[in-house]
Amino acid sequence: MRYFEMGFASKIVGRLLGIPHSTVKRWLYAYRVLGKEALFVTAHRRYDHETKVRAARAVVEGRTTKPEAMEAFGLKSSTQINAWRRLYREGGPDALLPKPRGRPKKPEPAFSSREEELEARVRELELELEIQKRINALAEEIEQRRRTR
């Protein structure tokens, strides 16, 4: 921050601090737009869908510039507004809806009868048994090789 106030360029600050100049450029942008407080933010802030849509729409439609939108909506990084703009252009407001987290649930198989369900369970158990037999055979083979040495 002191280097920014002294007027040093991002490349020089990056060299002095031993960090990539692209990181320093992002810091300098945030510093110029929002002041020194923007550099002290450590927690990630979550934004609701409506805020994302309003910010992206304002920049895409040309009503505000990126720095103005960052200040108006309290964004600490230009990366956020860039991502929201791209998503808004590609898919409209629905593209900014939150994505479900985690692995998708495995759909339950639909059986037409109880008999079909039981047959599938038998096949599953037979497969488990076959796998266990192969594991046991491999373990026995390894044990025999160890004994003969």
N, C-alpha and C. Protein backbone atom coordinates (compact mmCIF):
# COMPACT_ATOMS: atom_id res chain seq x y z
N MET A 1 0.84 -1.17 0.00
CA MET A 1 0.00 0.00 0.00
C MET A 1 0.88 1.24 0.00
N ARG A 2 1.93 1.22 0.81
CA ARG A 2 2.83 2.36 0.87
C ARG A 2 3.47 2.59 -0.51
N TYR A 3 3.79 1.48 -1.19
CA TYR A 3 4.38 1.60 -2.52
C TYR A 3 3.41 2.23 -3.51
N PHE A 4 2.13 1.89 -3.40
CA PHE A 4 1.13 2.48 -4.27
C PHE A 4 1.04 3.98 -4.03
N GLU A 5 1.04 4.37 -2.76
CA GLU A 5 0.94 5.79 -2.41
C GLU A 5 2.17 6.56 -2.91
N MET A 6 3.32 5.87 -2.97
CA MET A 6 4.55 6.51 -3.45
C MET A 6 4.59 6.56 -4.97
N GLY A 7 3.67 5.85 -5.64
CA GLY A 7 3.57 5.91 -7.09
C GLY A 7 4.35 4.85 -7.84
N PHE A 8 4.79 3.79 -7.15
CA PHE A 8 5.52 2.72 -7.82
C PHE A 8 4.61 1.95 -8.76
N ALA A 9 5.16 1.47 -9.86
CA ALA A 9 4.41 0.65 -10.83
C ALA A 9 4.25 -0.77 -10.28
N SER A 10 3.28 -1.50 -10.81
CA SER A 10 2.98 -2.84 -10.29
C SER A 10 4.13 -3.82 -10.49
N LYS A 11 4.86 -3.70 -11.59
CA LYS A 11 5.99 -4.61 -11.81
C LYS A 11 7.08 -4.42 -10.76
N ILE A 12 7.36 -3.18 -10.43
CA ILE A 12 8.40 -2.90 -9.43
C ILE A 12 7.95 -3.38 -8.05
N VAL A 13 6.69 -3.12 -7.72
CA VAL A 13 6.16 -3.58 -6.42
C VAL A 13 6.22 -5.10 -6.36
N GLY A 14 5.87 -5.78 -7.45
CA GLY A 14 5.94 -7.24 -7.49
C GLY A 14 7.35 -7.74 -7.23
N ARG A 15 8.33 -7.09 -7.85
CA ARG A 15 9.73 -7.48 -7.62
C ARG A 15 10.15 -7.24 -6.18
N LEU A 16 9.77 -6.09 -5.65
CA LEU A 16 10.16 -5.75 -4.27
C LEU A 16 9.57 -6.73 -3.26
N LEU A 17 8.32 -7.14 -3.50
CA LEU A 17 7.64 -8.05 -2.57
C LEU A 17 7.84 -9.52 -2.90
N GLY A 18 8.35 -9.80 -4.09
CA GLY A 18 8.57 -11.18 -4.50
C GLY A 18 7.30 -11.93 -4.84
N ILE A 19 6.34 -11.23 -5.42
CA ILE A 19 5.06 -11.86 -5.81
C ILE A 19 4.78 -11.53 -7.27
N PRO A 20 3.91 -12.31 -7.93
CA PRO A 20 3.61 -12.06 -9.34
C PRO A 20 3.05 -10.66 -9.58
N HIS A 21 3.48 -10.06 -10.66
CA HIS A 21 3.04 -8.70 -10.96
C HIS A 21 1.54 -8.66 -11.29
N SER A 22 0.97 -9.78 -11.77
CA SER A 22 -0.47 -9.81 -12.04
C SER A 22 -1.27 -9.67 -10.75
N THR A 23 -0.78 -10.24 -9.67
CA THR A 23 -1.45 -10.11 -8.37
C THR A 23 -1.40 -8.66 -7.91
N VAL A 24 -0.24 -8.04 -8.07
CA VAL A 24 -0.08 -6.64 -7.68
C VAL A 24 -0.98 -5.75 -8.51
N LYS A 25 -1.15 -6.08 -9.81
CA LYS A 25 -2.05 -5.29 -10.66
C LYS A 25 -3.48 -5.33 -10.13
N ARG A 26 -3.94 -6.51 -9.68
CA ARG A 26 -5.30 -6.63 -9.12
C ARG A 26 -5.41 -5.80 -7.85
N TRP A 27 -4.38 -5.86 -7.01
CA TRP A 27 -4.38 -5.07 -5.78
C TRP A 27 -4.45 -3.58 -6.10
N LEU A 28 -3.64 -3.15 -7.07
CA LEU A 28 -3.59 -1.73 -7.44
C LEU A 28 -4.95 -1.27 -7.97
N TYR A 29 -5.59 -2.13 -8.75
CA TYR A 29 -6.91 -1.79 -9.29
C TYR A 29 -7.90 -1.61 -8.14
N ALA A 30 -7.92 -2.56 -7.20
CA ALA A 30 -8.82 -2.46 -6.05
C ALA A 30 -8.50 -1.23 -5.21
N TYR A 31 -7.21 -0.95 -5.05
CA TYR A 31 -6.79 0.23 -4.27
C TYR A 31 -7.28 1.51 -4.92
N ARG A 32 -7.14 1.61 -6.23
CA ARG A 32 -7.56 2.82 -6.93
C ARG A 32 -9.07 3.00 -6.92
N VAL A 33 -9.79 1.90 -7.01
CA VAL A 33 -11.26 1.98 -7.07
C VAL A 33 -11.86 2.18 -5.69
N LEU A 34 -11.41 1.39 -4.70
CA LEU A 34 -12.08 1.38 -3.39
C LEU A 34 -11.24 1.89 -2.23
N GLY A 35 -9.98 2.21 -2.46
CA GLY A 35 -9.14 2.71 -1.38
C GLY A 35 -8.45 1.60 -0.64
N LYS A 36 -7.72 1.98 0.43
CA LYS A 36 -6.91 1.00 1.14
C LYS A 36 -7.72 -0.06 1.85
N GLU A 37 -8.96 0.21 2.24
CA GLU A 37 -9.78 -0.78 2.93
C GLU A 37 -9.99 -2.03 2.10
N ALA A 38 -10.00 -1.87 0.79
CA ALA A 38 -10.21 -3.02 -0.11
C ALA A 38 -9.07 -4.02 -0.01
N LEU A 39 -7.88 -3.56 0.40
CA LEU A 39 -6.72 -4.45 0.48
C LEU A 39 -6.68 -5.25 1.77
N PHE A 40 -7.49 -4.87 2.74
CA PHE A 40 -7.46 -5.54 4.04
C PHE A 40 -8.56 -6.57 4.20
N VAL A 41 -9.33 -6.82 3.17
CA VAL A 41 -10.42 -7.79 3.24
C VAL A 41 -9.83 -9.19 3.14
N THR A 42 -10.15 -10.04 4.12
CA THR A 42 -9.63 -11.41 4.09
C THR A 42 -10.73 -12.44 3.91
N ALA A 43 -11.96 -12.12 4.28
CA ALA A 43 -13.05 -13.09 4.16
C ALA A 43 -13.75 -12.92 2.81
N HIS A 44 -14.20 -14.03 2.26
CA HIS A 44 -14.96 -13.99 1.02
C HIS A 44 -16.40 -13.63 1.34
N ARG A 45 -16.93 -12.73 0.58
CA ARG A 45 -18.31 -12.30 0.80
C ARG A 45 -19.20 -12.97 -0.24
N ARG A 46 -20.38 -13.39 0.20
CA ARG A 46 -21.34 -13.99 -0.73
C ARG A 46 -22.37 -12.94 -1.12
N TYR A 47 -22.73 -12.97 -2.38
CA TYR A 47 -23.70 -12.00 -2.89
C TYR A 47 -24.94 -12.74 -3.35
N ASP A 48 -26.09 -12.15 -3.08
CA ASP A 48 -27.33 -12.80 -3.49
C ASP A 48 -27.53 -12.64 -5.00
N HIS A 49 -28.42 -13.42 -5.52
CA HIS A 49 -28.67 -13.48 -6.96
C HIS A 49 -29.05 -12.12 -7.52
N GLU A 50 -29.90 -11.39 -6.82
CA GLU A 50 -30.38 -10.10 -7.31
C GLU A 50 -29.24 -9.09 -7.43
N THR A 51 -28.33 -9.08 -6.48
CA THR A 51 -27.18 -8.17 -6.54
C THR A 51 -26.30 -8.50 -7.73
N LYS A 52 -26.06 -9.78 -7.95
CA LYS A 52 -25.24 -10.19 -9.09
C LYS A 52 -25.87 -9.74 -10.41
N VAL A 53 -27.17 -9.94 -10.52
CA VAL A 53 -27.88 -9.59 -11.76
C VAL A 53 -27.84 -8.08 -11.97
N ARG A 54 -28.11 -7.30 -10.91
CA ARG A 54 -28.12 -5.84 -11.05
C ARG A 54 -26.74 -5.32 -11.45
N ALA A 55 -25.69 -5.85 -10.83
CA ALA A 55 -24.33 -5.39 -11.13
C ALA A 55 -23.94 -5.76 -12.56
N ALA A 56 -24.19 -7.01 -12.94
CA ALA A 56 -23.84 -7.45 -14.30
C ALA A 56 -24.64 -6.68 -15.35
N ARG A 57 -25.93 -6.51 -15.10
CA ARG A 57 -26.79 -5.81 -16.07
C ARG A 57 -26.32 -4.36 -16.23
N ALA A 58 -25.97 -3.71 -15.13
CA ALA A 58 -25.54 -2.31 -15.20
C ALA A 58 -24.28 -2.15 -16.05
N VAL A 59 -23.35 -3.07 -15.92
CA VAL A 59 -22.10 -2.96 -16.69
C VAL A 59 -22.33 -3.39 -18.15
N VAL A 60 -23.06 -4.48 -18.34
CA VAL A 60 -23.29 -4.98 -19.71
C VAL A 60 -24.08 -3.97 -20.54
N GLU A 61 -25.08 -3.35 -19.94
CA GLU A 61 -25.90 -2.39 -20.67
C GLU A 61 -25.23 -1.03 -20.79
N GLY A 62 -24.07 -0.85 -20.16
CA GLY A 62 -23.31 0.38 -20.31
C GLY A 62 -23.77 1.52 -19.44
N ARG A 63 -24.59 1.24 -18.43
CA ARG A 63 -25.04 2.31 -17.54
C ARG A 63 -23.94 2.75 -16.58
N THR A 64 -23.04 1.80 -16.22
CA THR A 64 -21.94 2.15 -15.32
C THR A 64 -20.67 1.47 -15.82
N THR A 65 -19.55 2.00 -15.36
CA THR A 65 -18.27 1.36 -15.67
C THR A 65 -18.00 0.31 -14.60
N LYS A 66 -16.99 -0.54 -14.85
CA LYS A 66 -16.64 -1.57 -13.86
C LYS A 66 -16.28 -0.95 -12.51
N PRO A 67 -15.41 0.07 -12.46
CA PRO A 67 -15.08 0.65 -11.15
C PRO A 67 -16.29 1.23 -10.43
N GLU A 68 -17.19 1.88 -11.17
CA GLU A 68 -18.40 2.43 -10.55
C GLU A 68 -19.28 1.32 -9.99
N ALA A 69 -19.41 0.23 -10.74
CA ALA A 69 -20.22 -0.90 -10.27
C ALA A 69 -19.59 -1.54 -9.05
N MET A 70 -18.25 -1.67 -9.07
CA MET A 70 -17.58 -2.24 -7.90
C MET A 70 -17.85 -1.42 -6.65
N GLU A 71 -17.80 -0.11 -6.80
CA GLU A 71 -18.04 0.76 -5.65
C GLU A 71 -19.51 0.72 -5.23
N ALA A 72 -20.41 0.77 -6.20
CA ALA A 72 -21.85 0.80 -5.89
C ALA A 72 -22.32 -0.49 -5.21
N PHE A 73 -21.77 -1.63 -5.61
CA PHE A 73 -22.24 -2.91 -5.08
C PHE A 73 -21.29 -3.50 -4.03
N GLY A 74 -20.24 -2.76 -3.70
CA GLY A 74 -19.32 -3.19 -2.65
C GLY A 74 -18.46 -4.38 -3.03
N LEU A 75 -18.09 -4.47 -4.30
CA LEU A 75 -17.25 -5.58 -4.75
C LEU A 75 -15.79 -5.24 -4.50
N LYS A 76 -15.03 -6.18 -4.00
CA LYS A 76 -13.63 -5.93 -3.69
C LYS A 76 -12.69 -6.39 -4.78
N SER A 77 -13.22 -7.06 -5.81
CA SER A 77 -12.36 -7.60 -6.85
C SER A 77 -13.02 -7.44 -8.21
N SER A 78 -12.23 -7.05 -9.19
CA SER A 78 -12.78 -6.93 -10.55
C SER A 78 -13.06 -8.31 -11.14
N THR A 79 -12.46 -9.34 -10.58
CA THR A 79 -12.69 -10.70 -11.06
C THR A 79 -14.16 -11.08 -10.93
N GLN A 80 -14.78 -10.67 -9.83
CA GLN A 80 -16.20 -10.99 -9.63
C GLN A 80 -17.07 -10.37 -10.71
N ILE A 81 -16.90 -9.08 -10.92
CA ILE A 81 -17.76 -8.41 -11.91
C ILE A 81 -17.48 -8.94 -13.31
N ASN A 82 -16.23 -9.30 -13.61
CA ASN A 82 -15.91 -9.87 -14.93
C ASN A 82 -16.61 -11.21 -15.13
N ALA A 83 -16.57 -12.06 -14.10
CA ALA A 83 -17.23 -13.37 -14.19
C ALA A 83 -18.74 -13.21 -14.32
N TRP A 84 -19.31 -12.32 -13.54
CA TRP A 84 -20.76 -12.12 -13.60
C TRP A 84 -21.17 -11.57 -14.96
N ARG A 85 -20.40 -10.64 -15.53
CA ARG A 85 -20.70 -10.10 -16.86
C ARG A 85 -20.69 -11.20 -17.90
N ARG A 86 -19.65 -12.05 -17.85
CA ARG A 86 -19.54 -13.13 -18.84
C ARG A 86 -20.73 -14.07 -18.74
N LEU A 87 -21.06 -14.48 -17.51
CA LEU A 87 -22.20 -15.39 -17.32
C LEU A 87 -23.51 -14.74 -17.76
N TYR A 88 -23.68 -13.47 -17.44
CA TYR A 88 -24.91 -12.76 -17.81
C TYR A 88 -25.05 -12.68 -19.33
N ARG A 89 -23.95 -12.41 -20.02
CA ARG A 89 -23.99 -12.35 -21.49
C ARG A 89 -24.31 -13.71 -22.10
N GLU A 90 -23.75 -14.76 -21.52
CA GLU A 90 -23.92 -16.11 -22.08
C GLU A 90 -25.30 -16.69 -21.79
N GLY A 91 -25.81 -16.48 -20.58
CA GLY A 91 -27.05 -17.16 -20.22
C GLY A 91 -28.13 -16.32 -19.56
N GLY A 92 -27.91 -15.02 -19.51
CA GLY A 92 -28.91 -14.15 -18.89
C GLY A 92 -28.90 -14.28 -17.37
N PRO A 93 -29.93 -13.76 -16.71
CA PRO A 93 -29.99 -13.76 -15.25
C PRO A 93 -29.94 -15.15 -14.63
N ASP A 94 -30.49 -16.15 -15.33
CA ASP A 94 -30.52 -17.50 -14.77
C ASP A 94 -29.12 -18.10 -14.64
N ALA A 95 -28.18 -17.62 -15.44
CA ALA A 95 -26.80 -18.14 -15.37
C ALA A 95 -26.13 -17.75 -14.06
N LEU A 96 -26.68 -16.74 -13.37
CA LEU A 96 -26.09 -16.27 -12.11
C LEU A 96 -26.73 -16.93 -10.88
N LEU A 97 -27.66 -17.85 -11.12
CA LEU A 97 -28.25 -18.57 -9.98
C LEU A 97 -27.20 -19.44 -9.32
N PRO A 98 -27.29 -19.66 -8.01
CA PRO A 98 -26.29 -20.50 -7.34
C PRO A 98 -26.33 -21.93 -7.86
N LYS A 99 -25.15 -22.50 -7.99
CA LYS A 99 -25.03 -23.88 -8.46
C LYS A 99 -25.12 -24.83 -7.27
N PRO A 100 -25.74 -26.00 -7.45
CA PRO A 100 -25.79 -26.97 -6.35
C PRO A 100 -24.39 -27.46 -6.03
N ARG A 101 -24.10 -27.62 -4.74
CA ARG A 101 -22.77 -28.05 -4.31
C ARG A 101 -22.74 -29.55 -4.12
N GLY A 102 -21.55 -30.10 -4.24
CA GLY A 102 -21.36 -31.52 -3.98
C GLY A 102 -21.63 -32.39 -5.18
N ARG A 103 -21.47 -33.65 -4.95
CA ARG A 103 -21.67 -34.64 -6.00
C ARG A 103 -23.17 -34.85 -6.20
N PRO A 104 -23.63 -34.95 -7.44
CA PRO A 104 -25.06 -35.16 -7.66
C PRO A 104 -25.50 -36.51 -7.10
N LYS A 105 -26.71 -36.53 -6.60
CA LYS A 105 -27.26 -37.77 -6.04
C LYS A 105 -27.46 -38.79 -7.15
N LYS A 106 -27.17 -40.03 -6.80
CA LYS A 106 -27.35 -41.13 -7.74
C LYS A 106 -28.85 -41.45 -7.80
N PRO A 107 -29.42 -41.45 -8.99
CA PRO A 107 -30.86 -41.73 -9.07
C PRO A 107 -31.16 -43.17 -8.67
N GLU A 108 -32.24 -43.35 -7.97
CA GLU A 108 -32.67 -44.69 -7.58
C GLU A 108 -33.21 -45.41 -8.81
N PRO A 109 -32.77 -46.64 -9.04
CA PRO A 109 -33.27 -47.35 -10.22
C PRO A 109 -34.77 -47.64 -10.08
N ALA A 110 -35.47 -47.46 -11.16
CA ALA A 110 -36.91 -47.71 -11.15
C ALA A 110 -37.16 -49.13 -11.67
N PHE A 111 -37.71 -49.96 -10.81
CA PHE A 111 -38.03 -51.34 -11.19
C PHE A 111 -39.52 -51.44 -11.44
N SER A 112 -39.86 -52.23 -12.46
CA SER A 112 -41.29 -52.37 -12.77
C SER A 112 -41.97 -53.37 -11.85
N SER A 113 -41.17 -54.24 -11.21
CA SER A 113 -41.78 -55.21 -10.30
C SER A 113 -40.79 -55.54 -9.18
N ARG A 114 -41.31 -56.17 -8.15
CA ARG A 114 -40.49 -56.59 -7.01
C ARG A 114 -39.50 -57.67 -7.47
N GLU A 115 -39.92 -58.50 -8.40
CA GLU A 115 -39.07 -59.57 -8.93
C GLU A 115 -37.84 -58.98 -9.62
N GLU A 116 -38.03 -57.94 -10.44
CA GLU A 116 -36.92 -57.28 -11.12
C GLU A 116 -35.95 -56.69 -10.11
N GLU A 117 -36.47 -56.09 -9.06
CA GLU A 117 -35.64 -55.49 -8.02
C GLU A 117 -34.78 -56.56 -7.33
N LEU A 118 -35.40 -57.69 -7.02
CA LEU A 118 -34.67 -58.78 -6.36
C LEU A 118 -33.61 -59.39 -7.28
N GLU A 119 -33.92 -59.51 -8.56
CA GLU A 119 -32.94 -60.04 -9.50
C GLU A 119 -31.73 -59.11 -9.60
N ALA A 120 -31.98 -57.81 -9.60
CA ALA A 120 -30.88 -56.85 -9.65
C ALA A 120 -30.03 -56.95 -8.38
N ARG A 121 -30.67 -57.15 -7.24
CA ARG A 121 -29.93 -57.29 -5.98
C ARG A 121 -29.08 -58.57 -5.99
N VAL A 122 -29.63 -59.64 -6.54
CA VAL A 122 -28.88 -60.90 -6.63
C VAL A 122 -27.64 -60.71 -7.52
N ARG A 123 -27.81 -60.04 -8.67
CA ARG A 123 -26.66 -59.77 -9.56
C ARG A 123 -25.60 -58.95 -8.84
N GLU A 124 -26.04 -57.97 -8.08
CA GLU A 124 -25.11 -57.12 -7.32
C GLU A 124 -24.33 -57.94 -6.29
N LEU A 125 -25.03 -58.82 -5.56
CA LEU A 125 -24.37 -59.65 -4.56
C LEU A 125 -23.43 -60.66 -5.20
N GLU A 126 -23.82 -61.22 -6.34
CA GLU A 126 -22.95 -62.16 -7.05
C GLU A 126 -21.67 -61.46 -7.50
N LEU A 127 -21.78 -60.22 -7.96
CA LEU A 127 -20.62 -59.46 -8.38
C LEU A 127 -19.70 -59.19 -7.18
N GLU A 128 -20.26 -58.81 -6.06
CA GLU A 128 -19.47 -58.60 -4.84
C GLU A 128 -18.72 -59.88 -4.45
N LEU A 129 -19.42 -61.01 -4.52
CA LEU A 129 -18.81 -62.29 -4.17
C LEU A 129 -17.65 -62.62 -5.12
N GLU A 130 -17.84 -62.39 -6.41
CA GLU A 130 -16.80 -62.65 -7.39
C GLU A 130 -15.57 -61.78 -7.13
N ILE A 131 -15.80 -60.53 -6.81
CA ILE A 131 -14.69 -59.63 -6.49
C ILE A 131 -13.95 -60.13 -5.26
N GLN A 132 -14.68 -60.52 -4.24
CA GLN A 132 -14.05 -61.02 -3.01
C GLN A 132 -13.24 -62.29 -3.27
N LYS A 133 -13.76 -63.18 -4.12
CA LYS A 133 -13.03 -64.40 -4.47
C LYS A 133 -11.70 -64.05 -5.15
N ARG A 134 -11.72 -63.10 -6.07
CA ARG A 134 -10.50 -62.70 -6.77
C ARG A 134 -9.49 -62.07 -5.81
N ILE A 135 -9.97 -61.28 -4.89
CA ILE A 135 -9.08 -60.67 -3.89
C ILE A 135 -8.43 -61.76 -3.04
N ASN A 136 -9.23 -62.73 -2.60
CA ASN A 136 -8.70 -63.83 -1.79
C ASN A 136 -7.67 -64.64 -2.57
N ALA A 137 -7.94 -64.91 -3.85
CA ALA A 137 -7.00 -65.68 -4.67
C ALA A 137 -5.69 -64.92 -4.84
N LEU A 138 -5.75 -63.62 -5.05
CA LEU A 138 -4.54 -62.81 -5.17
C LEU A 138 -3.75 -62.80 -3.86
N ALA A 139 -4.47 -62.67 -2.76
CA ALA A 139 -3.80 -62.66 -1.45
C ALA A 139 -3.11 -64.01 -1.21
N GLU A 140 -3.77 -65.10 -1.57
CA GLU A 140 -3.19 -66.44 -1.39
C GLU A 140 -1.95 -66.60 -2.27
N GLU A 141 -2.03 -66.12 -3.52
CA GLU A 141 -0.90 -66.21 -4.43
C GLU A 141 0.30 -65.42 -3.90
N ILE A 142 0.04 -64.24 -3.39
CA ILE A 142 1.11 -63.41 -2.82
C ILE A 142 1.73 -64.10 -1.61
N GLU A 143 0.91 -64.69 -0.79
CA GLU A 143 1.39 -65.40 0.40
C GLU A 143 2.27 -66.59 0.00
N GLN A 144 1.87 -67.35 -1.02
CA GLN A 144 2.65 -68.50 -1.49
C GLN A 144 4.00 -68.05 -2.04
N ARG A 145 4.03 -66.96 -2.78
CA ARG A 145 5.28 -66.44 -3.32
C ARG A 145 6.22 -66.01 -2.18
N ARG A 146 5.64 -65.43 -1.16
CA ARG A 146 6.44 -64.98 -0.02
C ARG A 146 7.06 -66.16 0.72
N ARG A 147 6.31 -67.24 0.83
CA ARG A 147 6.80 -68.43 1.54
C ARG A 147 7.94 -69.11 0.78
N THR A 148 7.88 -69.11 -0.55
CA THR A 148 8.88 -69.82 -1.35
C THR A 148 10.20 -69.03 -1.41
N ARG A 149 10.27 -67.88 -1.00
CA ARG A 149 11.53 -67.09 -1.03
C ARG A 149 12.40 -67.40 0.10
